[in-house]
Structures are given as structure tokens and as C-alpha cells.
Amino acid sequence: MEIACIVEGDGEEEALPVLLRRVIGEVDPQFAWTAVLHPPIRRPKDRLYQRDSLVQVVEIAARQFTGRGAILVLIDADDKCPAS
């Protein structure tokens, strides 16, 4: 399985591979080392909160897949509710 990620900054980009390997390893340890992690796509936080911009970057991420895949959007929501 392929995993594409959308992040907002340096910290999220640096932490992402370790975070994903740990989470995937808890679910299926064998899968943690066979998953294909695409390089993260970075976008500023304000663009990730805009629906049209988010849809656009998700479509860009989806085009990276050659087979089955998943997309993770990682937003540091210090001061805002990510659900809204």
C-alpha cells in the first residue's frame, strides 16, 4: 500500500516517517516496512483550512498512487479546531 501525506511545516514533515512507522507497526508490524511512503506535500496552514485548496492538494496526492493508497493530512491545530 502507498501512503501520501499532506503537512503544513518542517516539524510535521520531519516527524512524519517515524510517526507513520510507529502507528503502522502497532497495527501490523510486517506492513510497517513494506508500505511505500511518498514524500510529503507541504502547504501553509491557512491553505489547508480552505476547502478548495485542500481538495486540490488531496487530488495532487492521489495522483501519486500506482495502486491502492491512503492519504493522511497532518495539521498542527494549536489555535483552531481542525474539524471546522
C-alpha atoms as a PDB file:
ATOM      1  CA  MET A   1       0.000   0.000   0.000  1.00  0.00           C
ATOM      2  CA  GLU A   2       1.112   3.532  -0.718  1.00  0.00           C
ATOM      3  CA  ILE A   3       0.718   6.437   1.694  1.00  0.00           C
ATOM      4  CA  ALA A   4       0.726  10.077   0.629  1.00  0.00           C
ATOM      5  CA  CYS A   5       0.865  12.778   3.282  1.00  0.00           C
ATOM      6  CA  ILE A   6      -0.019  16.440   3.339  1.00  0.00           C
ATOM      7  CA  VAL A   7       1.675  18.542   6.020  1.00  0.00           C
ATOM      8  CA  GLU A   8       1.980  22.195   6.910  1.00  0.00           C
ATOM      9  CA  GLY A   9       5.507  22.669   8.211  1.00  0.00           C
ATOM     10  CA  ASP A  10       9.031  21.460   8.883  1.00  0.00           C
ATOM     11  CA  GLY A  11       8.223  19.797  12.202  1.00  0.00           C
ATOM     12  CA  GLU A  12       5.395  17.709  10.779  1.00  0.00           C
ATOM     13  CA  GLU A  13       7.473  16.773   7.749  1.00  0.00           C
ATOM     14  CA  GLU A  14      10.403  15.610   9.903  1.00  0.00           C
ATOM     15  CA  ALA A  15       8.229  13.659  12.361  1.00  0.00           C
ATOM     16  CA  LEU A  16       6.063  12.008   9.730  1.00  0.00           C
ATOM     17  CA  PRO A  17       8.140   8.934   8.763  1.00  0.00           C
ATOM     18  CA  VAL A  18       8.764   7.965  12.384  1.00  0.00           C
ATOM     19  CA  LEU A  19       5.139   8.612  13.371  1.00  0.00           C
ATOM     20  CA  LEU A  20       3.742   6.552  10.491  1.00  0.00           C
ATOM     21  CA  ARG A  21       6.123   3.633  11.030  1.00  0.00           C
ATOM     22  CA  ARG A  22       5.215   3.526  14.730  1.00  0.00           C
ATOM     23  CA  VAL A  23       1.461   3.687  14.136  1.00  0.00           C
ATOM     24  CA  ILE A  24       1.533   1.188  11.276  1.00  0.00           C
ATOM     25  CA  GLY A  25       3.824  -1.054  13.336  1.00  0.00           C
ATOM     26  CA  GLU A  26       1.225  -1.188  16.093  1.00  0.00           C
ATOM     27  CA  VAL A  27      -1.457  -2.256  13.624  1.00  0.00           C
ATOM     28  CA  ASP A  28       0.623  -4.658  11.503  1.00  0.00           C
ATOM     29  CA  PRO A  29       4.387  -4.849  12.193  1.00  0.00           C
ATOM     30  CA  GLN A  30       5.143  -6.537   8.862  1.00  0.00           C
ATOM     31  CA  PHE A  31       3.291  -3.859   6.897  1.00  0.00           C
ATOM     32  CA  ALA A  32       5.307  -1.080   8.562  1.00  0.00           C
ATOM     33  CA  TRP A  33       8.353  -1.928   6.452  1.00  0.00           C
ATOM     34  CA  THR A  34       6.549  -2.681   3.178  1.00  0.00           C
ATOM     35  CA  ALA A  35       4.418   0.471   2.986  1.00  0.00           C
ATOM     36  CA  VAL A  36       5.566   2.972   0.367  1.00  0.00           C
ATOM     37  CA  LEU A  37       5.712   6.471   1.853  1.00  0.00           C
ATOM     38  CA  HIS A  38       5.638   9.219  -0.750  1.00  0.00           C
ATOM     39  CA  PRO A  39       7.481  12.453   0.026  1.00  0.00           C
ATOM     40  CA  PRO A  40       5.139  14.753   1.967  1.00  0.00           C
ATOM     41  CA  ILE A  41       3.385  17.594   0.201  1.00  0.00           C
ATOM     42  CA  ARG A  42       3.749  20.852   2.146  1.00  0.00           C
ATOM     43  CA  ARG A  43       1.137  23.582   2.179  1.00  0.00           C
ATOM     44  CA  PRO A  44       0.702  26.544   4.545  1.00  0.00           C
ATOM     45  CA  LYS A  45      -1.866  26.033   7.301  1.00  0.00           C
ATOM     46  CA  ASP A  46      -4.181  28.776   6.020  1.00  0.00           C
ATOM     47  CA  ARG A  47      -4.447  26.976   2.652  1.00  0.00           C
ATOM     48  CA  LEU A  48      -5.218  23.652   4.325  1.00  0.00           C
ATOM     49  CA  TYR A  49      -8.194  25.282   6.085  1.00  0.00           C
ATOM     50  CA  GLN A  50      -9.670  26.429   2.749  1.00  0.00           C
ATOM     51  CA  ARG A  51     -11.896  23.763   1.214  1.00  0.00           C
ATOM     52  CA  ASP A  52     -10.926  24.341  -2.422  1.00  0.00           C
ATOM     53  CA  SER A  53      -7.205  24.384  -1.628  1.00  0.00           C
ATOM     54  CA  LEU A  54      -7.491  21.228   0.465  1.00  0.00           C
ATOM     55  CA  VAL A  55      -9.405  19.413  -2.291  1.00  0.00           C
ATOM     56  CA  GLN A  56      -6.767  20.475  -4.807  1.00  0.00           C
ATOM     57  CA  VAL A  57      -3.828  19.194  -2.734  1.00  0.00           C
ATOM     58  CA  VAL A  58      -5.641  15.910  -1.951  1.00  0.00           C
ATOM     59  CA  GLU A  59      -6.117  15.389  -5.700  1.00  0.00           C
ATOM     60  CA  ILE A  60      -2.396  16.049  -6.244  1.00  0.00           C
ATOM     61  CA  ALA A  61      -1.550  13.480  -3.564  1.00  0.00           C
ATOM     62  CA  ALA A  62      -3.914  10.905  -5.069  1.00  0.00           C
ATOM     63  CA  ARG A  63      -2.220  11.193  -8.465  1.00  0.00           C
ATOM     64  CA  GLN A  64       0.988   9.797  -6.924  1.00  0.00           C
ATOM     65  CA  PHE A  65      -0.530   6.345  -6.443  1.00  0.00           C
ATOM     66  CA  THR A  66       0.223   3.477  -8.771  1.00  0.00           C
ATOM     67  CA  GLY A  67      -2.065   1.127  -6.839  1.00  0.00           C
ATOM     68  CA  ARG A  68      -4.003   1.152  -3.580  1.00  0.00           C
ATOM     69  CA  GLY A  69      -3.262   4.070  -1.323  1.00  0.00           C
ATOM     70  CA  ALA A  70      -4.200   6.245   1.598  1.00  0.00           C
ATOM     71  CA  ILE A  71      -3.842   9.962   2.221  1.00  0.00           C
ATOM     72  CA  LEU A  72      -3.001  11.436   5.618  1.00  0.00           C
ATOM     73  CA  VAL A  73      -3.498  15.160   6.242  1.00  0.00           C
ATOM     74  CA  LEU A  74      -1.453  16.262   9.248  1.00  0.00           C
ATOM     75  CA  ILE A  75      -2.374  19.718  10.596  1.00  0.00           C
ATOM     76  CA  ASP A  76      -0.950  21.304  13.738  1.00  0.00           C
ATOM     77  CA  ALA A  77      -4.164  22.814  15.095  1.00  0.00           C
ATOM     78  CA  ASP A  78      -2.742  24.742  18.046  1.00  0.00           C
ATOM     79  CA  ASP A  79      -5.268  27.534  17.917  1.00  0.00           C
ATOM     80  CA  LYS A  80      -8.067  26.244  15.686  1.00  0.00           C
ATOM     81  CA  CYS A  81     -10.402  23.259  15.612  1.00  0.00           C
ATOM     82  CA  PRO A  82      -9.321  21.074  12.643  1.00  0.00           C
ATOM     83  CA  ALA A  83     -12.851  19.665  12.307  1.00  0.00           C
ATOM     84  CA  SER A  84     -14.226  23.085  11.406  1.00  0.00           C
END
